[in-house]
């Protein structure tokens, strides 16, 4: 950022007129600093929030005009055993707890084939982080099935889906070494890991991640950086409302920005809002208000510019189309078959309703693959079975090929 651009940043206590003038400069191409992003959070109240949203929507239209994408998927919860105890999670289980499950290969294939019949193109694999490191029951199960670790089992299940169906795997297995990213890229056109937050205070006693060794920010950032070094398209994002400060929220977005500027591999940034649920330690924690979520999406658009930004429609109120005002260009994965196992109380919108509401906002809904259009050709260049499957599934623009 130039010295002149820094001079034009927001003052410490901006007036409404300062904010409006500054946002006009942003629409003209000015970049924003960390401090200005924080000021936009602190001072964009009811009077100036519309101007912030207008700016974010304007920027989105510069990069992907009149298009909102989504991925039609099946959700495959390969295992919900996990060694982390995040204070907001209802997905994870210990062995023997009601609902504890590690899917068999037959169960995986059955879900994938049902999704294939419904026009799905993505098999989203979600799983707990390294459960075998904590639970001997998981080690025994993996041994009986012929695998040394959960990641070895995931690798085999991704290959099974890729060989036996037309679906493309997208895995979110938690922390991965560079060697595991290299292995999984053979069957996954893209991989994912939410940063959630780079705030170290969340690891402290009573914090959201105080008993979650795999949520150490530096380790998560290293996984994303290793994916960048290997050129693997990667999905990440932040989870807001889990105890982070507004400045820490900005710092998390800037960490993502820096990694993408260095490697160019982050295909999607999710801005997800915390939802309080019964029977979790954070059951009584306040959820982010709708305007707070919108404001975060908008600031993310101003910081990240041309990067793809997603917000899940099932985690907001019935007026989820309002998220479009924040400058998102993607709804994420939406399933006609399986629930959101991470948030089972929040059903996906019907795809026809999603299309209707998107079009009412003046946007065209386009189905994408688990890898974004601009990254498709790079994955095809890898060759092998994955490249063939992806080539057959994508049109000349990198979207899903029309049936």
Protein backbone atom coordinates (compact mmCIF):
# COMPACT_ATOMS: atom_id res chain seq x y z
CA UNK A 1 0.00 0.00 0.00
CA UNK A 2 1.38 3.41 -0.95
CA UNK A 3 2.05 6.21 1.54
CA UNK A 4 -0.70 8.24 -0.12
CA UNK A 5 -3.19 5.39 0.26
CA UNK A 6 -2.31 5.07 3.96
CA UNK A 7 -2.95 8.79 4.44
CA UNK A 8 -6.48 8.34 3.17
CA UNK A 9 -7.39 5.70 5.74
CA UNK A 10 -10.07 6.26 8.37
CA UNK A 11 -9.32 8.36 11.46
CA UNK A 12 -9.51 6.77 14.90
CA UNK A 13 -12.99 8.12 15.57
CA UNK A 14 -14.57 8.62 12.15
CA UNK A 15 -17.83 10.46 11.63
CA UNK A 16 -20.58 9.12 9.41
CA UNK A 17 -19.38 11.52 6.72
CA UNK A 18 -15.82 10.17 7.05
CA UNK A 19 -17.10 6.60 6.58
CA UNK A 20 -19.21 7.46 3.55
CA UNK A 21 -16.35 9.34 1.89
CA UNK A 22 -13.88 6.57 2.64
CA UNK A 23 -16.18 3.87 1.23
CA UNK A 24 -16.53 5.93 -1.93
CA UNK A 25 -12.74 5.84 -2.27
CA UNK A 26 -12.81 2.04 -1.74
CA UNK A 27 -15.27 1.71 -4.62
CA UNK A 28 -12.77 3.66 -6.69
CA UNK A 29 -10.11 1.07 -5.96
CA UNK A 30 -8.52 2.11 -2.68
CA UNK A 31 -7.26 -0.74 -0.48
CA UNK A 32 -8.00 -0.73 3.24
CA UNK A 33 -5.61 -1.13 6.13
CA UNK A 34 -6.03 -3.30 9.22
CA UNK A 35 -6.92 -0.26 11.31
CA UNK A 36 -9.54 0.95 8.84
CA UNK A 37 -11.10 -2.52 8.75
CA UNK A 38 -11.39 -2.43 12.55
CA UNK A 39 -12.91 1.06 12.38
CA UNK A 40 -15.51 -0.19 9.90
CA UNK A 41 -16.55 -2.82 12.45
CA UNK A 42 -16.68 -0.34 15.30
CA UNK A 43 -18.44 2.52 13.58
CA UNK A 44 -20.66 1.02 10.88
CA UNK A 45 -23.95 1.39 12.73
CA UNK A 46 -27.47 1.52 11.37
CA UNK A 47 -26.78 4.83 9.65
CA UNK A 48 -23.68 3.71 7.75
CA UNK A 49 -24.13 -0.07 7.42
CA UNK A 50 -26.11 0.35 4.15
CA UNK A 51 -23.16 2.22 2.63
CA UNK A 52 -20.76 -0.54 3.71
CA UNK A 53 -23.02 -3.19 2.18
CA UNK A 54 -23.39 -1.17 -1.01
CA UNK A 55 -19.60 -1.00 -1.31
CA UNK A 56 -19.17 -4.73 -0.70
CA UNK A 57 -21.85 -5.61 -3.27
CA UNK A 58 -20.24 -3.23 -5.77
CA UNK A 59 -16.85 -4.89 -5.35
CA UNK A 60 -18.36 -8.37 -5.70
CA UNK A 61 -19.90 -7.32 -9.02
CA UNK A 62 -16.51 -6.25 -10.32
CA UNK A 63 -15.17 -9.77 -9.95
CA UNK A 64 -18.14 -12.08 -10.58
CA UNK A 65 -20.97 -10.01 -12.03
CA UNK A 66 -24.50 -11.30 -11.55
CA UNK A 67 -23.42 -14.86 -10.65
CA UNK A 68 -23.81 -16.72 -7.35
CA UNK A 69 -22.50 -20.28 -7.24
CA UNK A 70 -23.23 -23.34 -5.14
CA UNK A 71 -22.11 -26.97 -5.05
CA UNK A 72 -24.69 -29.76 -5.06
CA UNK A 73 -23.26 -32.29 -2.63
CA UNK A 74 -23.73 -35.23 -0.35
CA UNK A 75 -22.37 -34.91 3.17
CA UNK A 76 -20.36 -37.98 4.21
CA UNK A 77 -19.59 -37.88 7.97
CA UNK A 78 -16.88 -40.53 7.76
CA UNK A 79 -16.38 -40.52 11.53
CA UNK A 80 -17.56 -38.21 14.29
CA UNK A 81 -14.97 -39.48 16.75
CA UNK A 82 -12.50 -36.68 17.46
CA UNK A 83 -9.69 -35.95 19.88
CA UNK A 84 -10.64 -32.25 20.09
CA UNK A 85 -13.28 -30.94 22.49
CA UNK A 86 -14.35 -27.59 21.02
CA UNK A 87 -16.82 -25.86 23.29
CA UNK A 88 -19.31 -25.15 20.49
CA UNK A 89 -19.35 -28.53 18.73
CA UNK A 90 -22.25 -30.99 18.64
CA UNK A 91 -20.76 -33.13 15.87
CA UNK A 92 -18.01 -34.93 17.78
CA UNK A 93 -18.50 -38.04 19.90
CA UNK A 94 -16.48 -40.32 22.13
CA UNK A 95 -16.63 -44.07 21.49
CA UNK A 96 -19.77 -45.53 23.07
CA UNK A 97 -21.64 -42.25 23.15
CA UNK A 98 -25.10 -42.23 21.52
CA UNK A 99 -24.67 -41.36 17.85
CA UNK A 100 -20.98 -42.29 17.66
CA UNK A 101 -20.31 -43.55 14.14
CA UNK A 102 -17.54 -44.50 11.78
CA UNK A 103 -19.07 -45.28 8.40
CA UNK A 104 -18.31 -48.53 6.61
CA UNK A 105 -17.24 -48.54 2.95
CA UNK A 106 -20.70 -49.86 1.98
CA UNK A 107 -22.36 -46.97 3.81
CA UNK A 108 -20.08 -44.45 2.13
CA UNK A 109 -20.79 -45.86 -1.31
CA UNK A 110 -24.54 -46.04 -0.70
CA UNK A 111 -24.76 -42.34 0.19
CA UNK A 112 -22.57 -41.37 -2.77
CA UNK A 113 -24.65 -43.36 -5.25
CA UNK A 114 -27.89 -41.89 -3.92
CA UNK A 115 -26.44 -38.42 -4.35
CA UNK A 116 -25.31 -39.25 -7.86
CA UNK A 117 -28.93 -40.04 -8.80
CA UNK A 118 -29.97 -36.61 -7.51
CA UNK A 119 -27.44 -34.72 -9.62
CA UNK A 120 -24.82 -34.17 -6.94
CA UNK A 121 -21.24 -33.66 -8.03
CA UNK A 122 -19.48 -33.35 -4.65
CA UNK A 123 -18.89 -35.87 -1.88
CA UNK A 124 -17.98 -33.76 1.15
CA UNK A 125 -16.02 -35.86 3.64
CA UNK A 126 -16.10 -34.54 7.19
CA UNK A 127 -14.41 -36.27 10.09
CA UNK A 128 -12.97 -35.77 13.52
CA UNK A 129 -9.31 -34.92 13.90
CA UNK A 130 -7.01 -37.91 14.58
CA UNK A 131 -9.39 -39.89 16.83
CA UNK A 132 -7.03 -42.86 16.86
CA UNK A 133 -4.50 -40.74 18.76
CA UNK A 134 -6.87 -40.64 21.74
CA UNK A 135 -9.18 -43.65 21.47
CA UNK A 136 -7.95 -47.27 21.38
CA UNK A 137 -11.40 -48.26 20.07
CA UNK A 138 -10.72 -46.29 16.89
CA UNK A 139 -7.28 -47.84 16.52
CA UNK A 140 -8.84 -51.31 16.82
CA UNK A 141 -11.55 -50.52 14.26
CA UNK A 142 -9.04 -49.17 11.77
CA UNK A 143 -6.81 -52.23 12.28
CA UNK A 144 -9.74 -54.58 11.64
CA UNK A 145 -10.49 -52.75 8.41
CA UNK A 146 -6.85 -52.84 7.37
CA UNK A 147 -5.83 -49.20 7.90
CA UNK A 148 -3.12 -47.56 10.01
CA UNK A 149 -4.84 -44.25 10.58
CA UNK A 150 -8.01 -42.28 9.95
CA UNK A 151 -6.29 -40.46 7.11
CA UNK A 152 -5.40 -43.78 5.46
CA UNK A 153 -9.06 -44.78 5.72
CA UNK A 154 -10.18 -41.43 4.30
CA UNK A 155 -7.79 -41.82 1.39
CA UNK A 156 -9.28 -45.23 0.56
CA UNK A 157 -12.86 -43.97 0.81
CA UNK A 158 -12.13 -41.03 -1.47
CA UNK A 159 -10.66 -43.42 -4.02
CA UNK A 160 -13.72 -45.68 -3.66
CA UNK A 161 -16.12 -42.81 -4.40
CA UNK A 162 -13.99 -41.55 -7.28
CA UNK A 163 -13.78 -44.98 -8.91
CA UNK A 164 -17.36 -46.14 -8.36
CA UNK A 165 -19.33 -42.92 -8.91
CA UNK A 166 -19.14 -39.67 -10.85
CA UNK A 167 -18.85 -37.64 -7.62
CA UNK A 168 -15.71 -35.68 -6.79
CA UNK A 169 -14.43 -35.87 -3.18
CA UNK A 170 -13.70 -32.79 -1.11
CA UNK A 171 -12.21 -33.60 2.30
CA UNK A 172 -12.01 -31.63 5.53
CA UNK A 173 -9.89 -33.93 7.73
CA UNK A 174 -8.37 -31.37 10.07
CA UNK A 175 -4.63 -30.82 10.32
CA UNK A 176 -2.60 -32.45 7.54
CA UNK A 177 1.10 -32.73 6.87
CA UNK A 178 2.47 -31.76 3.48
CA UNK A 179 2.88 -35.45 2.63
CA UNK A 180 -0.79 -36.11 3.38
CA UNK A 181 -1.90 -33.14 1.32
CA UNK A 182 0.17 -34.60 -1.50
CA UNK A 183 -1.51 -38.00 -1.10
CA UNK A 184 -5.06 -36.70 -0.85
CA UNK A 185 -4.71 -34.44 -3.88
CA UNK A 186 -4.70 -37.60 -6.02
CA UNK A 187 -8.41 -38.12 -5.26
CA UNK A 188 -9.51 -34.65 -4.11
CA UNK A 189 -9.54 -31.73 -6.55
CA UNK A 190 -9.67 -29.46 -3.50
CA UNK A 191 -9.21 -29.73 0.26
CA UNK A 192 -10.40 -27.67 3.20
CA UNK A 193 -9.59 -26.57 6.73
CA UNK A 194 -11.31 -23.74 8.57
CA UNK A 195 -8.91 -21.41 10.36
CA UNK A 196 -11.89 -20.39 12.53
CA UNK A 197 -9.74 -17.82 14.32
CA UNK A 198 -6.10 -16.91 14.74
CA UNK A 199 -6.83 -15.66 18.25
CA UNK A 200 -4.47 -17.29 20.81
CA UNK A 201 -6.83 -16.41 23.67
CA UNK A 202 -9.35 -19.00 22.47
CA UNK A 203 -6.84 -21.69 23.52
CA UNK A 204 -6.81 -20.44 27.12
CA UNK A 205 -8.81 -21.96 29.98
CA UNK A 206 -12.50 -21.39 29.34
CA UNK A 207 -11.91 -20.43 25.70
CA UNK A 208 -13.67 -22.08 22.77
CA UNK A 209 -10.56 -24.16 21.98
CA UNK A 210 -9.15 -24.76 25.46
CA UNK A 211 -9.20 -28.56 24.99
CA UNK A 212 -8.61 -28.75 21.26
CA UNK A 213 -4.94 -29.38 20.42
CA UNK A 214 -5.59 -29.29 16.68
CA UNK A 215 -6.97 -25.73 16.82
CA UNK A 216 -3.61 -24.08 17.53
CA UNK A 217 -3.65 -21.24 14.96
CA UNK A 218 -0.03 -21.67 13.85
CA UNK A 219 -0.61 -25.34 13.03
CA UNK A 220 -3.71 -24.59 10.97
CA UNK A 221 -1.97 -21.82 9.10
CA UNK A 222 0.91 -24.19 8.33
CA UNK A 223 -1.49 -26.73 6.81
CA UNK A 224 -2.95 -24.05 4.55
CA UNK A 225 0.52 -22.82 3.62
CA UNK A 226 1.68 -26.35 2.79
CA UNK A 227 -1.34 -26.70 0.49
CA UNK A 228 -0.29 -23.46 -1.17
CA UNK A 229 3.25 -24.70 -1.73
CA UNK A 230 1.77 -27.78 -3.41
CA UNK A 231 -0.70 -25.75 -5.48
CA UNK A 232 -3.78 -27.47 -4.04
CA UNK A 233 -7.01 -25.43 -4.27
CA UNK A 234 -8.08 -24.85 -0.70
CA UNK A 235 -11.19 -23.81 1.21
CA UNK A 236 -10.87 -22.05 4.54
CA UNK A 237 -12.74 -19.46 6.57
CA UNK A 238 -13.53 -17.96 9.94
CA UNK A 239 -16.10 -18.78 12.60
CA UNK A 240 -17.37 -15.61 14.22
CA UNK A 241 -18.85 -15.17 17.67
CA UNK A 242 -16.73 -17.74 19.55
CA UNK A 243 -15.01 -15.25 21.85
CA UNK A 244 -12.70 -13.43 19.45
CA UNK A 245 -12.39 -9.64 19.45
CA UNK A 246 -13.22 -7.59 16.36
CA UNK A 247 -9.52 -6.87 15.87
CA UNK A 248 -8.79 -10.62 16.02
CA UNK A 249 -11.52 -11.20 13.46
CA UNK A 250 -9.75 -8.79 11.11
CA UNK A 251 -6.39 -10.44 11.84
CA UNK A 252 -7.82 -13.84 10.87
CA UNK A 253 -8.99 -12.45 7.53
CA UNK A 254 -5.63 -10.81 6.95
CA UNK A 255 -3.83 -14.10 7.64
CA UNK A 256 -5.94 -15.69 4.90
CA UNK A 257 -5.24 -12.76 2.60
CA UNK A 258 -1.48 -13.05 3.10
CA UNK A 259 -1.44 -16.77 2.33
CA UNK A 260 -3.46 -16.27 -0.84
CA UNK A 261 -1.30 -13.37 -1.99
CA UNK A 262 1.75 -15.59 -1.60
CA UNK A 263 0.43 -18.80 -3.15
CA UNK A 264 -2.83 -17.97 -4.98
CA UNK A 265 -4.49 -21.21 -3.92
CA UNK A 266 -7.34 -20.25 -1.56
CA UNK A 267 -10.42 -20.91 -3.64
CA UNK A 268 -13.02 -19.95 -1.04
CA UNK A 269 -13.32 -18.08 2.25
CA UNK A 270 -16.31 -19.01 4.43
CA UNK A 271 -17.72 -16.47 6.87
CA UNK A 272 -19.63 -18.72 9.26
CA UNK A 273 -21.60 -17.58 12.28
CA UNK A 274 -21.61 -19.38 15.63
CA UNK A 275 -24.93 -20.98 16.55
CA UNK A 276 -25.73 -21.77 20.18
CA UNK A 277 -27.08 -25.27 20.79
CA UNK A 278 -28.24 -27.16 23.86
CA UNK A 279 -25.76 -29.48 25.60
CA UNK A 280 -22.60 -27.61 24.62
CA UNK A 281 -20.41 -25.60 27.01
CA UNK A 282 -21.21 -22.47 24.99
CA UNK A 283 -24.98 -23.08 25.05
CA UNK A 284 -25.60 -19.71 26.70
CA UNK A 285 -23.13 -17.73 24.63
CA UNK A 286 -24.72 -15.03 22.45
CA UNK A 287 -24.92 -15.66 18.73
CA UNK A 288 -23.67 -12.96 16.37
CA UNK A 289 -26.50 -10.64 15.38
CA UNK A 290 -27.58 -10.68 11.74
CA UNK A 291 -26.08 -7.23 11.16
CA UNK A 292 -22.79 -8.34 12.76
CA UNK A 293 -22.63 -11.28 10.36
CA UNK A 294 -23.40 -9.03 7.41
CA UNK A 295 -20.84 -6.48 8.53
CA UNK A 296 -18.18 -9.20 8.79
CA UNK A 297 -18.96 -10.49 5.30
CA UNK A 298 -18.76 -6.96 3.92
CA UNK A 299 -15.44 -6.18 5.62
CA UNK A 300 -14.12 -9.51 4.32
CA UNK A 301 -15.07 -8.47 0.79
CA UNK A 302 -13.29 -5.14 1.20
CA UNK A 303 -10.15 -6.87 2.49
CA UNK A 304 -10.11 -9.90 0.21
CA UNK A 305 -11.36 -8.18 -2.96
CA UNK A 306 -11.53 -10.76 -5.76
CA UNK A 307 -11.45 -13.88 -3.56
CA UNK A 308 -14.55 -16.09 -3.44
CA UNK A 309 -16.56 -15.48 -0.28
CA UNK A 310 -19.24 -17.84 1.01
CA UNK A 311 -21.80 -17.73 3.80
CA UNK A 312 -24.00 -20.76 4.57
CA UNK A 313 -27.68 -20.04 3.95
CA UNK A 314 -28.93 -22.60 6.48
CA UNK A 315 -27.28 -20.88 9.46
CA UNK A 316 -29.16 -17.61 9.20
CA UNK A 317 -32.82 -16.71 9.63
CA UNK A 318 -35.54 -17.27 7.03
CA UNK A 319 -34.36 -14.20 5.11
CA UNK A 320 -31.05 -15.78 4.14
CA UNK A 321 -31.03 -13.93 0.81
CA UNK A 322 -30.00 -10.83 2.80
CA UNK A 323 -26.50 -12.35 2.98
CA UNK A 324 -26.11 -11.42 -0.68
CA UNK A 325 -25.99 -7.76 0.36
CA UNK A 326 -22.69 -8.43 2.13
CA UNK A 327 -20.95 -9.28 -1.13
CA UNK A 328 -20.85 -13.08 -1.08
CA UNK A 329 -20.58 -14.87 -4.41
CA UNK A 330 -21.23 -18.43 -3.24
CA UNK A 331 -23.75 -20.31 -1.09
CA UNK A 332 -21.42 -23.25 -0.41
CA UNK A 333 -22.44 -26.87 -0.54
CA UNK A 334 -26.17 -27.54 -0.50
CA UNK A 335 -27.51 -31.08 -0.39
CA UNK A 336 -30.79 -32.46 -1.73
CA UNK A 337 -30.14 -35.67 0.23
CA UNK A 338 -28.11 -35.41 3.44
CA UNK A 339 -28.41 -32.99 6.39
CA UNK A 340 -25.72 -30.65 7.64
CA UNK A 341 -24.27 -33.03 10.21
CA UNK A 342 -22.30 -30.21 11.83
CA UNK A 343 -25.50 -28.19 12.32
CA UNK A 344 -28.28 -30.82 12.10
CA UNK A 345 -30.87 -28.44 13.51
CA UNK A 346 -30.43 -26.15 10.47
CA UNK A 347 -31.83 -27.73 7.28
CA UNK A 348 -30.55 -26.77 3.85
CA UNK A 349 -32.85 -24.53 1.81
CA UNK A 350 -34.61 -26.30 -1.04
CA UNK A 351 -32.64 -25.78 -4.24
CA UNK A 352 -35.67 -24.31 -6.01
CA UNK A 353 -36.10 -21.79 -3.17
CA UNK A 354 -32.39 -20.97 -3.31
CA UNK A 355 -32.68 -20.34 -7.05
CA UNK A 356 -35.81 -18.20 -6.63
CA UNK A 357 -34.33 -16.01 -3.93
CA UNK A 358 -31.01 -15.63 -5.73
CA UNK A 359 -32.73 -14.57 -8.94
CA UNK A 360 -34.99 -12.16 -7.05
CA UNK A 361 -31.79 -10.40 -5.97
CA UNK A 362 -30.77 -9.98 -9.61
CA UNK A 363 -28.25 -12.83 -9.63
CA UNK A 364 -27.95 -16.04 -11.63
CA UNK A 365 -27.47 -19.25 -9.65
CA UNK A 366 -24.78 -21.48 -11.17
CA UNK A 367 -23.80 -24.96 -10.02
CA UNK A 368 -20.07 -25.37 -9.54
CA UNK A 369 -17.89 -28.35 -8.71
CA UNK A 370 -16.07 -28.78 -5.38
CA UNK A 371 -13.17 -27.01 -7.07
CA UNK A 372 -13.93 -23.47 -8.26
CA UNK A 373 -14.03 -22.74 -12.01
CA UNK A 374 -10.77 -20.77 -12.06
CA UNK A 375 -8.87 -23.73 -10.56
CA UNK A 376 -10.35 -26.53 -12.71
CA UNK A 377 -7.76 -26.45 -15.49
CA UNK A 378 -4.90 -26.70 -13.02
CA UNK A 379 -6.37 -29.85 -11.49
CA UNK A 380 -6.99 -31.38 -14.91
CA UNK A 381 -3.33 -30.79 -15.74
CA UNK A 382 -2.41 -33.23 -12.93
CA UNK A 383 -3.66 -36.10 -15.08
CA UNK A 384 -4.91 -39.46 -13.82
CA UNK A 385 -8.39 -40.67 -12.91
CA UNK A 386 -9.26 -37.46 -11.07
CA UNK A 387 -8.45 -35.35 -14.11
CA UNK A 388 -10.65 -37.54 -16.29
CA UNK A 389 -13.57 -37.32 -13.88
CA UNK A 390 -13.21 -33.55 -13.60
CA UNK A 391 -12.94 -33.08 -17.35
CA UNK A 392 -16.15 -35.07 -17.85
CA UNK A 393 -17.99 -33.06 -15.17
CA UNK A 394 -16.99 -29.52 -16.16
CA UNK A 395 -18.02 -27.29 -19.05
CA UNK A 396 -15.75 -24.92 -20.96
CA UNK A 397 -16.06 -22.30 -18.22
CA UNK A 398 -15.29 -24.67 -15.33
CA UNK A 399 -18.88 -24.96 -14.08
CA UNK A 400 -20.90 -28.17 -13.93
CA UNK A 401 -21.55 -29.50 -17.41
CA UNK A 402 -25.23 -29.40 -18.36
CA UNK A 403 -26.91 -32.80 -18.41
